[in-house]
Amino acid sequence: MTTIPTRAKRTWIWATAGAVVLLGALGIAYAVYHAKSPGTRKVHGGGEGASSGPRQASNRQVEALGLAYPASKGTLPASITISYNAHKDRTKMTLELRKVPTDPGSAAGVSDVIIKLMSEYDGRTRPADRGESSVDGVVIVKCKAPGPLVVSGAPGAFEADGQSVHLHPPAKDKPAYSSETQPDHVKETLAFRVRTAGLLKVAQAKSVTASFGSVRVHLTEEQLGDLREYAARMNPKP
């Protein structure tokens, strides 16, 4: 039987312990690197698209190229204005529908309903390689008392030939609702966003109604025609 000297035994024990510690440190380092790796990182919460908002927005802009836009009649109605901001190098196209008629069942004391849509893009000419995934909108009313445009959830919806087109809240940096008291009335404003695909359904419908809070309205033939021309000019590839 061979006896290992005490000094050699101690050296062997310390070497073994050092190797174990080194392997453990390498394992921890690998685990940290693996967790930070973009290809394997998991994102929890936030719902669909929580970790790739800009990428999803870009995908929707590309998808907008394949949507069915109405054909332009070539004449710009008075309700559509197009302005270019040289400082920001951005173009803004606004549709303003005035005196939108209210429907039976709408909130009492509401008058002078205005619906506005705002489309923006970089440069003077709309880029041909991407469309707009959604546009900003706002409805403005005069009323005798505040409240008709107050909502607790979604801003409202369009009804296009009986099909609902839901509206979405505006961007977080924009106020959704505001109220301004005048000497003889109250002016209320409700902001929203509408997806381009839904807006095109509305623009190509024969009959369109809308609800914003407790306000119910419908678009006239002339207003529908202006909306179709507006939607046609949103086409990146006219």
Foldseek 3Di string as FASTA:
>chain_A
DDDDDPVVVVVVVVVVVVVVVVVVVVVVVVVVVQCPDPVRHDDDDPPPCNPPVVVVQQVLFQVLLPADAFAAPPDADPQWDWDADPVQQKIKIKGKDWFFAFDPQFDPFKTTKIKMKIDMDGHPAHALRTFGFKIKMKIKIKGQDPDQQDDDAFQWWKQFVNDTFGWHADPPVDDQKDWDDDPRTIMIMGMTMGTLNSLRSNLPGPWMWIGGRRTIGTGDPVSSSNSSNVRNSRNSPD
